[in-house]
Every structure is written in C-alpha cells, then in structure tokens.
C-alpha cells in the first residue's frame, strides 16, 4: 500500500512537468526532489510531507530500524543547483523566493 502511494505521487510529479522528478535512494538515506518555483502548492506538499513520510516508514519497515535519518534536498530542475537541503529528523526545509532566485545564479 505504501509503495502504491509513492507511485501515485511520482506519477503526479511526472504529469505536472516532465522536468520534475524525485530520486529516492534504495537504502532509505537520501531523497532529491527536482522541480521549480512554479510547482503546484498541493503537489509540493504531497512531495515534501506525504512522500517523505511514506519513504521513511518503508525504510523503518524494511530495515527493522526505527533509528533513521534522511538527507533531503530540493534542487532546481533547470539549473541543477540546490535550493535547500536538510537532514531529518530535526531539519526543517525553509525556503522562499530568495532561495529560488539564488538557484538561478
């Protein structure tokens, strides 16, 4: 069920824009979300909250280890530059217009 939810969100990402993508490491340690500042707000929330949470839950289930951490990055899909990065738990991905602008420089 978790994988179906992940696949559904990944399909929505691809449908939104062919340049958008989500890279989920097979060892549950890293996620890279590639999109731009024009992403639909609801889709962005699904990616950052739902997809990340389900990915973490799958990691706990598969590894049988509740001591987890995930390095998360949002990357500008046009330039390849990182907009914001953090490691969960504990991190907060806070970004806005200034961070997007810097990712184009």
Protein backbone atom coordinates (compact mmCIF):
# COMPACT_ATOMS: atom_id res chain seq x y z
CA UNK A 1 0.00 0.00 0.00
CA UNK A 2 2.84 2.40 0.84
CA UNK A 3 4.55 1.74 -2.48
CA UNK A 4 1.31 2.41 -4.35
CA UNK A 5 1.01 5.77 -2.60
CA UNK A 6 4.60 6.60 -3.54
CA UNK A 7 3.98 5.56 -7.15
CA UNK A 8 0.80 7.67 -7.30
CA UNK A 9 2.68 10.77 -6.12
CA UNK A 10 5.56 10.09 -8.53
CA UNK A 11 3.03 9.82 -11.37
CA UNK A 12 1.55 13.18 -10.38
CA UNK A 13 5.03 14.71 -10.38
CA UNK A 14 5.70 13.47 -13.92
CA UNK A 15 2.27 14.64 -15.11
CA UNK A 16 2.84 18.13 -13.67
CA UNK A 17 6.06 18.72 -15.62
CA UNK A 18 8.35 16.33 -17.48
CA UNK A 19 11.37 18.12 -15.95
CA UNK A 20 10.25 17.34 -12.39
CA UNK A 21 11.50 14.21 -10.64
CA UNK A 22 12.02 12.56 -7.28
CA UNK A 23 15.03 10.40 -6.55
CA UNK A 24 14.65 8.03 -3.60
CA UNK A 25 17.76 6.09 -2.57
CA UNK A 26 17.32 2.35 -2.19
CA UNK A 27 18.91 2.43 1.28
CA UNK A 28 16.37 4.98 2.58
CA UNK A 29 19.02 7.58 3.40
CA UNK A 30 18.52 10.25 0.75
CA UNK A 31 15.80 11.97 -1.27
CA UNK A 32 16.30 14.53 -4.01
CA UNK A 33 13.29 16.45 -5.27
CA UNK A 34 13.85 18.25 -8.56
CA UNK A 35 11.32 20.90 -9.54
CA UNK A 36 10.99 24.67 -9.89
CA UNK A 37 9.28 27.51 -8.09
CA UNK A 38 6.17 27.13 -10.26
CA UNK A 39 5.19 23.73 -8.85
CA UNK A 40 1.59 23.39 -7.73
CA UNK A 41 1.44 24.03 -3.97
CA UNK A 42 -0.65 20.94 -3.24
CA UNK A 43 1.73 18.73 -5.21
CA UNK A 44 4.70 20.26 -3.40
CA UNK A 45 3.05 19.45 -0.06
CA UNK A 46 2.39 15.88 -1.20
CA UNK A 47 6.05 15.51 -2.13
CA UNK A 48 7.53 17.06 0.97
CA UNK A 49 5.12 15.68 3.57
CA UNK A 50 3.44 12.55 2.24
CA UNK A 51 6.16 11.12 0.01
CA UNK A 52 8.92 11.76 2.54
CA UNK A 53 6.87 10.27 5.39
CA UNK A 54 5.92 7.15 3.44
CA UNK A 55 9.54 6.72 2.30
CA UNK A 56 10.72 6.90 5.93
CA UNK A 57 8.04 4.43 7.05
CA UNK A 58 9.08 2.00 4.31
CA UNK A 59 12.68 2.32 5.47
CA UNK A 60 11.74 1.52 9.07
CA UNK A 61 9.65 -1.47 7.94
CA UNK A 62 12.29 -2.84 5.54
CA UNK A 63 15.31 -2.34 7.80
CA UNK A 64 13.52 -3.01 11.09
CA UNK A 65 15.37 0.01 12.47
CA UNK A 66 13.49 2.95 13.94
CA UNK A 67 16.71 4.97 14.30
CA UNK A 68 16.53 6.69 10.94
CA UNK A 69 17.79 9.78 9.16
CA UNK A 70 17.12 11.04 5.67
CA UNK A 71 19.08 13.67 3.79
CA UNK A 72 16.53 15.69 1.78
CA UNK A 73 17.32 18.17 -0.98
CA UNK A 74 15.23 20.35 -3.24
CA UNK A 75 17.07 21.01 -6.48
CA UNK A 76 16.19 23.47 -9.22
CA UNK A 77 15.28 21.21 -12.15
CA UNK A 78 16.53 23.82 -14.65
CA UNK A 79 19.96 24.55 -13.18
CA UNK A 80 20.78 21.54 -11.01
CA UNK A 81 21.55 23.89 -8.10
CA UNK A 82 20.34 23.05 -4.61
CA UNK A 83 17.60 25.32 -3.32
CA UNK A 84 17.56 23.90 0.21
CA UNK A 85 18.91 20.82 1.99
CA UNK A 86 18.44 19.27 5.41
CA UNK A 87 18.63 16.00 7.32
CA UNK A 88 15.54 14.63 9.02
CA UNK A 89 14.58 14.22 11.75
CA UNK A 90 15.47 17.57 13.17
CA UNK A 91 15.82 19.58 10.00
CA UNK A 92 13.36 21.99 8.53
CA UNK A 93 13.33 22.80 4.83
CA UNK A 94 12.66 26.52 4.86
CA UNK A 95 12.89 28.30 1.54
CA UNK A 96 11.24 31.01 -0.47
CA UNK A 97 11.74 33.50 -3.27
CA UNK A 98 15.33 34.35 -2.28
CA UNK A 99 16.45 30.72 -2.33
CA UNK A 100 14.81 30.09 -5.70
CA UNK A 101 16.43 33.24 -7.11
CA UNK A 102 19.85 32.15 -5.84
CA UNK A 103 19.40 28.77 -7.51
CA UNK A 104 19.34 30.53 -10.89
CA UNK A 105 22.56 32.48 -10.33
